[in-house]
Amino acid sequence: MPDRGVLHRRLLGVLAGLLLSALAAAPATAQAPRGMLDIEEQPGFVPDEADEILTGPYARQLVFFRTNEAPGTIIIHTSERFLYLVQGNNRAIRYGIGVGREGFQWSGLLRISRKQEWPDWRPPPEMIQRQPYLPRFMAGGPGNPMGARALYLGDTIYRIHGTNQPQTIGQAVSSGCFRLVNNDVIDLYERVPVGTKVIVRHAAKL
């Protein structure tokens, strides 16, 4: 008859094997891609002024930027989470932005067709489908997800606009629009006229 110690070790070995097999068969926990958060719109939320002050790379700043585009052109790098307003002499004003979530990102060439201060908000059908409790209309104001200003892109549903969720700058959370903190979108709004060329470039983020 085997020694009790031997039986005990055999039993532990069998249990350990079963545990490893179960772990191997278990599905891996899905993780959101880098730079993408599951953040829903928060109509009516008004952030603190301190939360709207960006620091680090997403803070508005003049940077070296080489391009053949004319001064005044807006170039958006979706993968970098930056909007550049070309200034000439290889310089641009760079703004940190929030971009479309996976499946809502796009690229192309459009022009600013309209500008609006404190725009009203009408969530697009895709957003209503994901968040059916959202209001179908919300008048402009500090708690509006469209923020302080909006620059409408061509005849599309896409806009460059402010936000009442400054923590989403640098993230991929929108339905295809580009969001800036209110101070930045006001600054951009004052610098660009209707008709401004907007180039949207999208590439996979490393």
N, C-alpha and C. Protein backbone atom coordinates (compact mmCIF):
# COMPACT_ATOMS: atom_id res chain seq x y z
N MET A 1 0.86 -1.21 0.00
CA MET A 1 0.00 0.00 0.00
C MET A 1 0.89 1.24 0.00
N PRO A 2 0.65 2.19 -0.92
CA PRO A 2 1.50 3.37 -1.02
C PRO A 2 1.49 4.18 0.28
N ASP A 3 2.60 4.84 0.54
CA ASP A 3 2.72 5.72 1.70
C ASP A 3 1.75 6.89 1.56
N ARG A 4 1.19 7.33 2.77
CA ARG A 4 0.25 8.45 2.73
C ARG A 4 0.87 9.71 2.11
N GLY A 5 2.15 9.94 2.39
CA GLY A 5 2.83 11.10 1.82
C GLY A 5 2.88 11.05 0.31
N VAL A 6 3.11 9.83 -0.21
CA VAL A 6 3.14 9.66 -1.67
C VAL A 6 1.77 9.95 -2.26
N LEU A 7 0.71 9.38 -1.60
CA LEU A 7 -0.65 9.62 -2.09
C LEU A 7 -0.99 11.12 -2.06
N HIS A 8 -0.56 11.76 -1.00
CA HIS A 8 -0.83 13.21 -0.86
C HIS A 8 -0.18 14.00 -1.98
N ARG A 9 1.06 13.66 -2.30
CA ARG A 9 1.77 14.38 -3.38
C ARG A 9 1.12 14.12 -4.73
N ARG A 10 0.67 12.84 -4.93
CA ARG A 10 0.01 12.52 -6.20
C ARG A 10 -1.29 13.31 -6.35
N LEU A 11 -2.03 13.40 -5.24
CA LEU A 11 -3.29 14.14 -5.27
C LEU A 11 -3.06 15.62 -5.59
N LEU A 12 -2.03 16.20 -4.96
CA LEU A 12 -1.71 17.60 -5.25
C LEU A 12 -1.32 17.78 -6.72
N GLY A 13 -0.59 16.83 -7.24
CA GLY A 13 -0.18 16.90 -8.65
C GLY A 13 -1.37 16.87 -9.59
N VAL A 14 -2.34 15.98 -9.28
CA VAL A 14 -3.54 15.89 -10.11
C VAL A 14 -4.34 17.18 -10.05
N LEU A 15 -4.50 17.74 -8.83
CA LEU A 15 -5.24 18.98 -8.67
C LEU A 15 -4.57 20.13 -9.40
N ALA A 16 -3.25 20.20 -9.31
CA ALA A 16 -2.51 21.27 -10.01
C ALA A 16 -2.69 21.15 -11.51
N GLY A 17 -2.68 19.91 -12.02
CA GLY A 17 -2.87 19.72 -13.46
C GLY A 17 -4.24 20.16 -13.92
N LEU A 18 -5.26 19.80 -13.11
CA LEU A 18 -6.62 20.23 -13.45
C LEU A 18 -6.76 21.74 -13.46
N LEU A 19 -6.12 22.39 -12.47
CA LEU A 19 -6.18 23.85 -12.39
C LEU A 19 -5.53 24.51 -13.59
N LEU A 20 -4.36 24.03 -14.00
CA LEU A 20 -3.67 24.58 -15.17
C LEU A 20 -4.49 24.38 -16.44
N SER A 21 -5.13 23.23 -16.56
CA SER A 21 -5.96 22.96 -17.74
C SER A 21 -7.13 23.92 -17.81
N ALA A 22 -7.75 24.16 -16.63
CA ALA A 22 -8.88 25.08 -16.60
C ALA A 22 -8.47 26.50 -16.97
N LEU A 23 -7.30 26.93 -16.47
CA LEU A 23 -6.82 28.27 -16.79
C LEU A 23 -6.51 28.40 -18.27
N ALA A 24 -5.95 27.35 -18.86
CA ALA A 24 -5.61 27.40 -20.28
C ALA A 24 -6.85 27.47 -21.15
N ALA A 25 -7.94 26.79 -20.68
CA ALA A 25 -9.17 26.76 -21.47
C ALA A 25 -10.00 28.02 -21.30
N ALA A 26 -9.78 28.76 -20.21
CA ALA A 26 -10.59 29.96 -19.95
C ALA A 26 -10.30 31.03 -20.97
N PRO A 27 -11.32 31.76 -21.44
CA PRO A 27 -11.09 32.82 -22.41
C PRO A 27 -10.31 33.97 -21.79
N ALA A 28 -9.42 34.58 -22.59
CA ALA A 28 -8.63 35.72 -22.10
C ALA A 28 -9.53 36.92 -21.91
N THR A 29 -9.25 37.72 -20.91
CA THR A 29 -10.02 38.92 -20.65
C THR A 29 -9.73 39.94 -21.74
N ALA A 30 -10.77 40.43 -22.39
CA ALA A 30 -10.58 41.40 -23.47
C ALA A 30 -10.15 42.73 -22.89
N GLN A 31 -9.20 43.37 -23.55
CA GLN A 31 -8.73 44.67 -23.13
C GLN A 31 -8.98 45.68 -24.23
N ALA A 32 -9.40 46.89 -23.84
CA ALA A 32 -9.64 47.94 -24.83
C ALA A 32 -8.34 48.34 -25.48
N PRO A 33 -8.35 48.65 -26.80
CA PRO A 33 -7.13 49.12 -27.45
C PRO A 33 -6.58 50.35 -26.76
N ARG A 34 -5.27 50.55 -26.86
CA ARG A 34 -4.65 51.70 -26.23
C ARG A 34 -5.28 52.98 -26.73
N GLY A 35 -5.60 53.89 -25.81
CA GLY A 35 -6.17 55.17 -26.21
C GLY A 35 -7.67 55.12 -26.44
N MET A 36 -8.31 54.03 -26.04
CA MET A 36 -9.75 53.95 -26.23
C MET A 36 -10.41 53.62 -24.91
N LEU A 37 -11.36 54.41 -24.50
CA LEU A 37 -12.07 54.20 -23.26
C LEU A 37 -13.55 54.03 -23.54
N ASP A 38 -14.23 53.33 -22.67
CA ASP A 38 -15.68 53.18 -22.80
C ASP A 38 -16.33 54.29 -21.98
N ILE A 39 -16.32 55.50 -22.54
CA ILE A 39 -16.86 56.66 -21.85
C ILE A 39 -18.09 57.14 -22.59
N GLU A 40 -19.21 57.21 -21.91
CA GLU A 40 -20.44 57.67 -22.52
C GLU A 40 -20.59 59.18 -22.36
N GLU A 41 -21.43 59.76 -23.21
CA GLU A 41 -21.68 61.19 -23.12
C GLU A 41 -22.36 61.50 -21.79
N GLN A 42 -22.09 62.69 -21.26
CA GLN A 42 -22.67 63.10 -19.99
C GLN A 42 -23.34 64.46 -20.14
N PRO A 43 -24.49 64.51 -20.81
CA PRO A 43 -25.18 65.80 -20.97
C PRO A 43 -25.55 66.38 -19.61
N GLY A 44 -25.28 67.67 -19.44
CA GLY A 44 -25.59 68.36 -18.19
C GLY A 44 -24.42 68.45 -17.23
N PHE A 45 -23.37 67.67 -17.47
CA PHE A 45 -22.20 67.72 -16.59
C PHE A 45 -21.36 68.95 -16.92
N VAL A 46 -21.00 69.73 -15.90
CA VAL A 46 -20.17 70.92 -16.09
C VAL A 46 -18.84 70.70 -15.36
N PRO A 47 -17.74 70.59 -16.09
CA PRO A 47 -16.45 70.32 -15.45
C PRO A 47 -15.91 71.54 -14.71
N ASP A 48 -15.02 71.29 -13.75
CA ASP A 48 -14.33 72.38 -13.07
C ASP A 48 -13.37 73.05 -14.04
N GLU A 49 -13.15 74.35 -13.84
CA GLU A 49 -12.23 75.08 -14.72
C GLU A 49 -10.84 74.45 -14.70
N ALA A 50 -10.41 73.97 -13.55
CA ALA A 50 -9.07 73.37 -13.45
C ALA A 50 -8.96 72.13 -14.32
N ASP A 51 -10.06 71.38 -14.50
CA ASP A 51 -10.03 70.17 -15.32
C ASP A 51 -9.85 70.48 -16.79
N GLU A 52 -10.16 71.72 -17.18
CA GLU A 52 -10.07 72.09 -18.60
C GLU A 52 -8.71 72.66 -18.98
N ILE A 53 -7.78 72.70 -18.02
CA ILE A 53 -6.42 73.16 -18.30
C ILE A 53 -5.55 71.95 -18.60
N LEU A 54 -5.14 71.80 -19.84
CA LEU A 54 -4.34 70.65 -20.23
C LEU A 54 -2.86 70.91 -19.97
N THR A 55 -2.14 69.87 -19.64
CA THR A 55 -0.69 69.95 -19.46
C THR A 55 -0.04 68.86 -20.30
N GLY A 56 1.27 68.95 -20.45
CA GLY A 56 1.98 67.92 -21.21
C GLY A 56 1.75 68.06 -22.70
N PRO A 57 1.85 66.97 -23.44
CA PRO A 57 1.80 67.04 -24.90
C PRO A 57 0.47 67.52 -25.45
N TYR A 58 -0.63 67.35 -24.72
CA TYR A 58 -1.93 67.76 -25.24
C TYR A 58 -2.26 69.23 -24.99
N ALA A 59 -1.38 69.93 -24.29
CA ALA A 59 -1.57 71.37 -24.09
C ALA A 59 -1.33 72.10 -25.42
N ARG A 60 -2.10 73.15 -25.67
CA ARG A 60 -1.93 73.93 -26.89
C ARG A 60 -0.54 74.54 -26.93
N GLN A 61 0.15 74.39 -28.08
CA GLN A 61 1.52 74.88 -28.18
C GLN A 61 1.96 75.03 -29.63
N LEU A 62 2.93 75.90 -29.85
CA LEU A 62 3.52 76.08 -31.17
C LEU A 62 4.62 75.04 -31.35
N VAL A 63 4.55 74.28 -32.46
CA VAL A 63 5.50 73.19 -32.68
C VAL A 63 6.08 73.26 -34.09
N PHE A 64 7.20 72.57 -34.27
CA PHE A 64 7.78 72.39 -35.60
C PHE A 64 6.87 71.45 -36.38
N PHE A 65 6.51 71.82 -37.61
CA PHE A 65 5.59 71.01 -38.40
C PHE A 65 5.86 71.26 -39.88
N ARG A 66 6.38 70.27 -40.55
CA ARG A 66 6.73 70.42 -41.96
C ARG A 66 5.57 69.98 -42.84
N THR A 67 5.13 70.86 -43.72
CA THR A 67 4.03 70.54 -44.64
C THR A 67 4.08 71.48 -45.83
N ASN A 68 3.50 71.02 -46.94
CA ASN A 68 3.36 71.86 -48.13
C ASN A 68 2.02 72.59 -48.16
N GLU A 69 1.19 72.35 -47.16
CA GLU A 69 -0.11 73.01 -47.11
C GLU A 69 0.04 74.47 -46.71
N ALA A 70 -0.89 75.29 -47.20
CA ALA A 70 -0.82 76.73 -46.95
C ALA A 70 -1.13 77.06 -45.50
N PRO A 71 -0.56 78.16 -45.00
CA PRO A 71 -0.93 78.62 -43.65
C PRO A 71 -2.44 78.77 -43.53
N GLY A 72 -2.97 78.41 -42.37
CA GLY A 72 -4.40 78.46 -42.15
C GLY A 72 -5.10 77.13 -42.36
N THR A 73 -4.39 76.17 -42.96
CA THR A 73 -4.96 74.84 -43.16
C THR A 73 -4.99 74.07 -41.83
N ILE A 74 -6.05 73.32 -41.61
CA ILE A 74 -6.14 72.44 -40.45
C ILE A 74 -5.78 71.02 -40.89
N ILE A 75 -4.85 70.39 -40.20
CA ILE A 75 -4.48 69.01 -40.46
C ILE A 75 -4.68 68.22 -39.18
N ILE A 76 -5.50 67.19 -39.26
CA ILE A 76 -5.81 66.36 -38.09
C ILE A 76 -5.14 65.00 -38.25
N HIS A 77 -4.33 64.62 -37.27
CA HIS A 77 -3.70 63.30 -37.23
C HIS A 77 -4.47 62.47 -36.19
N THR A 78 -5.40 61.67 -36.67
CA THR A 78 -6.25 60.90 -35.76
C THR A 78 -5.44 59.99 -34.86
N SER A 79 -4.45 59.30 -35.42
CA SER A 79 -3.70 58.33 -34.63
C SER A 79 -2.86 59.00 -33.55
N GLU A 80 -2.45 60.25 -33.80
CA GLU A 80 -1.63 60.98 -32.83
C GLU A 80 -2.47 61.72 -31.79
N ARG A 81 -3.76 61.90 -32.08
CA ARG A 81 -4.66 62.68 -31.23
C ARG A 81 -4.28 64.16 -31.20
N PHE A 82 -3.86 64.68 -32.38
CA PHE A 82 -3.48 66.08 -32.48
C PHE A 82 -4.16 66.74 -33.67
N LEU A 83 -4.52 68.01 -33.50
CA LEU A 83 -4.97 68.88 -34.59
C LEU A 83 -3.93 69.97 -34.76
N TYR A 84 -3.50 70.18 -36.02
CA TYR A 84 -2.48 71.18 -36.32
C TYR A 84 -3.10 72.30 -37.15
N LEU A 85 -2.87 73.54 -36.75
CA LEU A 85 -3.25 74.70 -37.55
C LEU A 85 -1.96 75.27 -38.12
N VAL A 86 -1.79 75.10 -39.43
CA VAL A 86 -0.54 75.47 -40.09
C VAL A 86 -0.31 76.97 -40.00
N GLN A 87 0.93 77.35 -39.63
CA GLN A 87 1.29 78.76 -39.47
C GLN A 87 2.32 79.24 -40.49
N GLY A 88 2.91 78.34 -41.22
CA GLY A 88 3.98 78.73 -42.14
C GLY A 88 5.33 78.63 -41.47
N ASN A 89 6.40 78.71 -42.28
CA ASN A 89 7.77 78.62 -41.75
C ASN A 89 7.98 77.35 -40.92
N ASN A 90 7.36 76.25 -41.39
CA ASN A 90 7.50 74.96 -40.71
C ASN A 90 7.04 75.01 -39.26
N ARG A 91 5.99 75.75 -39.00
CA ARG A 91 5.43 75.83 -37.66
C ARG A 91 3.92 75.60 -37.73
N ALA A 92 3.36 75.14 -36.62
CA ALA A 92 1.91 74.96 -36.51
C ALA A 92 1.52 75.08 -35.05
N ILE A 93 0.29 75.52 -34.82
CA ILE A 93 -0.27 75.46 -33.47
C ILE A 93 -0.88 74.08 -33.32
N ARG A 94 -0.46 73.38 -32.28
CA ARG A 94 -0.93 72.01 -32.07
C ARG A 94 -1.90 71.96 -30.89
N TYR A 95 -3.04 71.31 -31.12
CA TYR A 95 -4.06 71.15 -30.09
C TYR A 95 -4.25 69.65 -29.80
N GLY A 96 -4.38 69.29 -28.54
CA GLY A 96 -4.75 67.93 -28.19
C GLY A 96 -6.24 67.72 -28.44
N ILE A 97 -6.60 66.57 -28.97
CA ILE A 97 -7.99 66.31 -29.33
C ILE A 97 -8.43 64.92 -28.89
N GLY A 98 -9.73 64.73 -28.81
CA GLY A 98 -10.34 63.41 -28.71
C GLY A 98 -10.87 63.05 -30.08
N VAL A 99 -10.81 61.77 -30.44
CA VAL A 99 -11.18 61.35 -31.79
C VAL A 99 -12.23 60.24 -31.74
N GLY A 100 -12.62 59.75 -32.93
CA GLY A 100 -13.62 58.71 -33.02
C GLY A 100 -13.15 57.39 -32.44
N ARG A 101 -14.08 56.69 -31.82
CA ARG A 101 -13.76 55.36 -31.30
C ARG A 101 -13.57 54.39 -32.46
N GLU A 102 -13.10 53.19 -32.15
CA GLU A 102 -12.85 52.19 -33.18
C GLU A 102 -14.13 51.94 -33.98
N GLY A 103 -14.00 51.98 -35.29
CA GLY A 103 -15.14 51.81 -36.17
C GLY A 103 -15.77 53.12 -36.60
N PHE A 104 -15.37 54.24 -35.97
CA PHE A 104 -15.92 55.55 -36.29
C PHE A 104 -14.84 56.52 -36.77
N GLN A 105 -13.64 56.04 -36.96
CA GLN A 105 -12.56 56.90 -37.43
C GLN A 105 -12.56 56.95 -38.96
N TRP A 106 -12.11 58.05 -39.51
CA TRP A 106 -12.17 58.25 -40.95
C TRP A 106 -11.07 59.19 -41.39
N SER A 107 -10.91 59.32 -42.68
CA SER A 107 -9.92 60.25 -43.24
C SER A 107 -10.53 60.91 -44.47
N GLY A 108 -9.99 62.06 -44.85
CA GLY A 108 -10.50 62.73 -46.02
C GLY A 108 -10.19 64.22 -46.03
N LEU A 109 -10.74 64.90 -47.00
CA LEU A 109 -10.54 66.34 -47.18
C LEU A 109 -11.90 67.03 -47.21
N LEU A 110 -12.10 67.97 -46.29
CA LEU A 110 -13.34 68.73 -46.22
C LEU A 110 -13.00 70.19 -45.97
N ARG A 111 -14.03 71.02 -45.93
CA ARG A 111 -13.86 72.42 -45.57
C ARG A 111 -14.87 72.80 -44.50
N ILE A 112 -14.52 73.77 -43.70
CA ILE A 112 -15.45 74.25 -42.68
C ILE A 112 -16.60 74.96 -43.38
N SER A 113 -17.80 74.44 -43.18
CA SER A 113 -18.97 74.98 -43.87
C SER A 113 -19.78 75.94 -43.00
N ARG A 114 -19.59 75.84 -41.69
CA ARG A 114 -20.36 76.70 -40.79
C ARG A 114 -19.67 76.75 -39.44
N LYS A 115 -19.88 77.84 -38.70
CA LYS A 115 -19.33 78.00 -37.36
C LYS A 115 -20.48 78.37 -36.42
N GLN A 116 -20.40 77.89 -35.18
CA GLN A 116 -21.48 78.17 -34.25
C GLN A 116 -20.94 78.29 -32.83
N GLU A 117 -21.35 79.37 -32.14
CA GLU A 117 -21.02 79.52 -30.73
C GLU A 117 -22.07 78.80 -29.89
N TRP A 118 -21.64 78.12 -28.86
CA TRP A 118 -22.51 77.36 -27.96
C TRP A 118 -23.59 76.62 -28.74
N PRO A 119 -23.17 75.68 -29.58
CA PRO A 119 -24.12 74.98 -30.47
C PRO A 119 -25.08 74.07 -29.70
N ASP A 120 -26.25 73.87 -30.29
CA ASP A 120 -27.18 72.86 -29.79
C ASP A 120 -26.62 71.48 -30.10
N TRP A 121 -27.16 70.48 -29.44
CA TRP A 121 -26.68 69.11 -29.64
C TRP A 121 -27.83 68.19 -29.99
N ARG A 122 -27.67 67.47 -31.09
CA ARG A 122 -28.61 66.43 -31.51
C ARG A 122 -27.81 65.15 -31.72
N PRO A 123 -27.84 64.24 -30.77
CA PRO A 123 -27.05 63.01 -30.90
C PRO A 123 -27.38 62.27 -32.19
N PRO A 124 -26.37 61.78 -32.93
CA PRO A 124 -26.64 61.02 -34.16
C PRO A 124 -27.29 59.68 -33.84
N PRO A 125 -27.96 59.08 -34.82
CA PRO A 125 -28.67 57.81 -34.59
C PRO A 125 -27.79 56.71 -34.01
N GLU A 126 -26.51 56.67 -34.44
CA GLU A 126 -25.62 55.62 -33.93
C GLU A 126 -25.41 55.77 -32.42
N MET A 127 -25.33 57.00 -31.96
CA MET A 127 -25.14 57.25 -30.53
C MET A 127 -26.42 56.93 -29.76
N ILE A 128 -27.56 57.28 -30.34
CA ILE A 128 -28.85 56.98 -29.70
C ILE A 128 -29.01 55.46 -29.56
N GLN A 129 -28.56 54.73 -30.57
CA GLN A 129 -28.68 53.27 -30.52
C GLN A 129 -27.86 52.69 -29.37
N ARG A 130 -26.67 53.27 -29.14
CA ARG A 130 -25.81 52.78 -28.06
C ARG A 130 -26.29 53.27 -26.69
N GLN A 131 -26.85 54.49 -26.68
CA GLN A 131 -27.26 55.10 -25.42
C GLN A 131 -28.69 55.65 -25.58
N PRO A 132 -29.69 54.78 -25.58
CA PRO A 132 -31.07 55.21 -25.88
C PRO A 132 -31.65 56.19 -24.88
N TYR A 133 -31.02 56.35 -23.73
CA TYR A 133 -31.54 57.28 -22.72
C TYR A 133 -31.14 58.72 -22.99
N LEU A 134 -30.28 58.98 -23.97
CA LEU A 134 -29.83 60.35 -24.24
C LEU A 134 -30.98 61.21 -24.75
N PRO A 135 -30.92 62.52 -24.47
CA PRO A 135 -31.94 63.42 -25.03
C PRO A 135 -31.78 63.51 -26.54
N ARG A 136 -32.87 63.72 -27.24
CA ARG A 136 -32.80 63.87 -28.70
C ARG A 136 -32.37 65.27 -29.09
N PHE A 137 -32.47 66.20 -28.14
CA PHE A 137 -32.05 67.58 -28.39
C PHE A 137 -31.64 68.20 -27.07
N MET A 138 -30.56 69.01 -27.13
CA MET A 138 -30.13 69.75 -25.94
C MET A 138 -29.62 71.11 -26.39
N ALA A 139 -30.17 72.17 -25.80
CA ALA A 139 -29.75 73.52 -26.16
C ALA A 139 -28.30 73.76 -25.73
N GLY A 140 -27.63 74.65 -26.45
CA GLY A 140 -26.25 74.96 -26.14
C GLY A 140 -26.07 75.54 -24.76
N GLY A 141 -24.90 75.29 -24.16
CA GLY A 141 -24.62 75.79 -22.82
C GLY A 141 -23.44 75.05 -22.22
N PRO A 142 -23.02 75.42 -21.02
CA PRO A 142 -21.83 74.83 -20.40
C PRO A 142 -21.90 73.32 -20.21
N GLY A 143 -23.09 72.76 -20.02
CA GLY A 143 -23.21 71.32 -19.83
C GLY A 143 -23.47 70.54 -21.10
N ASN A 144 -23.40 71.21 -22.23
CA ASN A 144 -23.68 70.57 -23.51
C ASN A 144 -22.44 69.81 -24.00
N PRO A 145 -22.57 68.54 -24.43
CA PRO A 145 -21.42 67.79 -24.92
C PRO A 145 -20.73 68.41 -26.14
N MET A 146 -21.39 69.34 -26.83
CA MET A 146 -20.76 70.01 -27.97
C MET A 146 -19.82 71.12 -27.53
N GLY A 147 -19.89 71.53 -26.28
CA GLY A 147 -18.97 72.52 -25.77
C GLY A 147 -19.28 73.93 -26.24
N ALA A 148 -18.25 74.78 -26.19
CA ALA A 148 -18.42 76.21 -26.40
C ALA A 148 -18.51 76.62 -27.86
N ARG A 149 -17.93 75.85 -28.76
CA ARG A 149 -17.89 76.22 -30.17
C ARG A 149 -17.96 74.96 -31.03
N ALA A 150 -18.44 75.13 -32.27
CA ALA A 150 -18.45 74.03 -33.23
C ALA A 150 -18.07 74.54 -34.60
N LEU A 151 -17.25 73.77 -35.29
CA LEU A 151 -16.85 74.02 -36.67
C LEU A 151 -17.37 72.84 -37.48
N TYR A 152 -18.35 73.08 -38.34
CA TYR A 152 -19.00 72.00 -39.08
C TYR A 152 -18.20 71.68 -40.34
N LEU A 153 -18.05 70.38 -40.61
CA LEU A 153 -17.20 69.92 -41.70
C LEU A 153 -18.04 69.52 -42.91
N GLY A 154 -18.00 70.35 -43.95
CA GLY A 154 -18.74 70.08 -45.17
C GLY A 154 -20.22 69.90 -44.90
N ASP A 155 -20.83 68.92 -45.61
CA ASP A 155 -22.24 68.61 -45.37
C ASP A 155 -22.37 67.29 -44.62
N THR A 156 -21.32 66.92 -43.88
CA THR A 156 -21.34 65.69 -43.11
C THR A 156 -21.91 65.93 -41.71
N ILE A 157 -21.99 64.87 -40.93
CA ILE A 157 -22.43 64.99 -39.53
C ILE A 157 -21.25 65.29 -38.61
N TYR A 158 -20.05 65.39 -39.18
CA TYR A 158 -18.84 65.54 -38.36
C TYR A 158 -18.53 67.00 -38.07
N ARG A 159 -17.95 67.23 -36.88
CA ARG A 159 -17.62 68.58 -36.45
C ARG A 159 -16.33 68.56 -35.64
N ILE A 160 -15.70 69.70 -35.60
CA ILE A 160 -14.66 69.98 -34.61
C ILE A 160 -15.37 70.80 -33.54
N HIS A 161 -15.36 70.35 -32.31
CA HIS A 161 -16.16 71.04 -31.30
C HIS A 161 -15.54 70.94 -29.92
N GLY A 162 -16.12 71.67 -28.99
CA GLY A 162 -15.66 71.60 -27.61
C GLY A 162 -16.20 70.37 -26.91
N THR A 163 -16.07 70.34 -25.60
CA THR A 163 -16.56 69.19 -24.85
C THR A 163 -16.78 69.56 -23.39
N ASN A 164 -17.68 68.85 -22.74
CA ASN A 164 -17.84 69.00 -21.30
C ASN A 164 -17.15 67.84 -20.57
N GLN A 165 -16.32 67.08 -21.29
CA GLN A 165 -15.57 65.97 -20.72
C GLN A 165 -14.08 66.11 -21.07
N PRO A 166 -13.40 67.06 -20.44
CA PRO A 166 -12.00 67.30 -20.80
C PRO A 166 -11.10 66.09 -20.60
N GLN A 167 -11.51 65.14 -19.76
CA GLN A 167 -10.69 63.96 -19.52
C GLN A 167 -10.61 63.04 -20.73
N THR A 168 -11.44 63.29 -21.76
CA THR A 168 -11.43 62.43 -22.94
C THR A 168 -10.44 62.92 -24.01
N ILE A 169 -9.79 64.05 -23.78
CA ILE A 169 -8.79 64.52 -24.75
C ILE A 169 -7.64 63.52 -24.78
N GLY A 170 -7.24 63.14 -25.99
CA GLY A 170 -6.21 62.13 -26.15
C GLY A 170 -6.77 60.72 -26.25
N GLN A 171 -8.11 60.60 -26.20
CA GLN A 171 -8.74 59.28 -26.24
C GLN A 171 -9.59 59.12 -27.50
N ALA A 172 -9.94 57.88 -27.79
CA ALA A 172 -10.81 57.55 -28.93
C ALA A 172 -12.18 57.18 -28.39
N VAL A 173 -13.08 58.14 -28.32
CA VAL A 173 -14.36 57.91 -27.65
C VAL A 173 -15.57 58.47 -28.40
N SER A 174 -15.36 59.26 -29.44
CA SER A 174 -16.49 59.95 -30.06
C SER A 174 -17.11 59.11 -31.18
N SER A 175 -18.13 59.66 -31.83
CA SER A 175 -18.77 59.01 -32.97
C SER A 175 -18.20 59.51 -34.29
N GLY A 176 -16.99 60.02 -34.26
CA GLY A 176 -16.32 60.47 -35.48
C GLY A 176 -15.97 61.94 -35.48
N CYS A 177 -16.51 62.70 -34.51
CA CYS A 177 -16.16 64.11 -34.40
C CYS A 177 -14.83 64.27 -33.68
N PHE A 178 -14.31 65.49 -33.71
CA PHE A 178 -13.05 65.81 -33.05
C PHE A 178 -13.33 66.83 -31.95
N ARG A 179 -12.97 66.50 -30.73
CA ARG A 179 -13.29 67.37 -29.59
C ARG A 179 -12.04 67.97 -28.99
N LEU A 180 -12.17 69.23 -28.56
CA LEU A 180 -11.11 69.96 -27.88
C LEU A 180 -11.68 70.49 -26.57
N VAL A 181 -10.82 70.79 -25.62
CA VAL A 181 -11.32 71.48 -24.43
C VAL A 181 -11.83 72.85 -24.87
N ASN A 182 -12.73 73.42 -24.10
CA ASN A 182 -13.41 74.64 -24.53
C ASN A 182 -12.46 75.80 -24.79
N ASN A 183 -11.44 75.97 -23.96
CA ASN A 183 -10.50 77.07 -24.20
C ASN A 183 -9.81 76.92 -25.55
N ASP A 184 -9.50 75.69 -25.91
CA ASP A 184 -8.81 75.45 -27.18
C ASP A 184 -9.74 75.62 -28.37
N VAL A 185 -10.97 75.15 -28.27
CA VAL A 185 -11.86 75.28 -29.41
C VAL A 185 -12.25 76.74 -29.63
N ILE A 186 -12.32 77.53 -28.56
CA ILE A 186 -12.57 78.96 -28.71
C ILE A 186 -11.39 79.62 -29.42
N ASP A 187 -10.18 79.24 -29.03
CA ASP A 187 -8.98 79.78 -29.68
C ASP A 187 -8.96 79.44 -31.17
N LEU A 188 -9.24 78.18 -31.50
CA LEU A 188 -9.26 77.75 -32.90
C LEU A 188 -10.36 78.45 -33.67
N TYR A 189 -11.52 78.57 -33.06
CA TYR A 189 -12.68 79.21 -33.68
C TYR A 189 -12.37 80.63 -34.13
N GLU A 190 -11.62 81.36 -33.30
CA GLU A 190 -11.29 82.75 -33.62
C GLU A 190 -10.24 82.86 -34.72
N ARG A 191 -9.49 81.79 -34.95
CA ARG A 191 -8.38 81.84 -35.91
C ARG A 191 -8.76 81.41 -37.32
N VAL A 192 -9.84 80.63 -37.46
CA VAL A 192 -10.13 80.07 -38.79
C VAL A 192 -11.50 80.52 -39.28
N PRO A 193 -11.62 80.88 -40.56
CA PRO A 193 -12.90 81.30 -41.13
C PRO A 193 -13.63 80.13 -41.78
N VAL A 194 -14.89 80.37 -42.12
CA VAL A 194 -15.64 79.41 -42.95
C VAL A 194 -14.89 79.25 -44.27
N GLY A 195 -14.81 78.03 -44.76
CA GLY A 195 -14.08 77.74 -45.99
C GLY A 195 -12.70 77.17 -45.74
N THR A 196 -12.25 77.16 -44.48
CA THR A 196 -10.93 76.63 -44.15
C THR A 196 -10.82 75.17 -44.58
N LYS A 197 -9.71 74.83 -45.18
CA LYS A 197 -9.42 73.45 -45.61
C LYS A 197 -9.07 72.60 -44.40
N VAL A 198 -9.70 71.42 -44.32
CA VAL A 198 -9.44 70.50 -43.20
C VAL A 198 -9.05 69.14 -43.78
N ILE A 199 -7.85 68.71 -43.45
CA ILE A 199 -7.34 67.41 -43.91
C ILE A 199 -7.31 66.46 -42.71
N VAL A 200 -7.99 65.34 -42.84
CA VAL A 200 -8.03 64.34 -41.77
C VAL A 200 -7.21 63.14 -42.21
N ARG A 201 -6.20 62.81 -41.45
CA ARG A 201 -5.33 61.67 -41.76
C ARG A 201 -5.48 60.64 -40.65
N HIS A 202 -5.64 59.38 -41.07
CA HIS A 202 -5.82 58.31 -40.08
C HIS A 202 -4.88 57.16 -40.41
N ALA A 203 -4.16 56.73 -39.40
CA ALA A 203 -3.29 55.56 -39.52
C ALA A 203 -3.30 54.83 -38.20
N ALA A 204 -2.98 53.55 -38.24
CA ALA A 204 -2.98 52.76 -37.01
C ALA A 204 -1.98 53.32 -36.02
N LYS A 205 -2.40 53.40 -34.76
CA LYS A 205 -1.52 53.91 -33.71
C LYS A 205 -0.62 52.78 -33.22
N LEU A 206 0.68 53.06 -33.16
CA LEU A 206 1.62 52.04 -32.74
C LEU A 206 1.58 51.85 -31.24
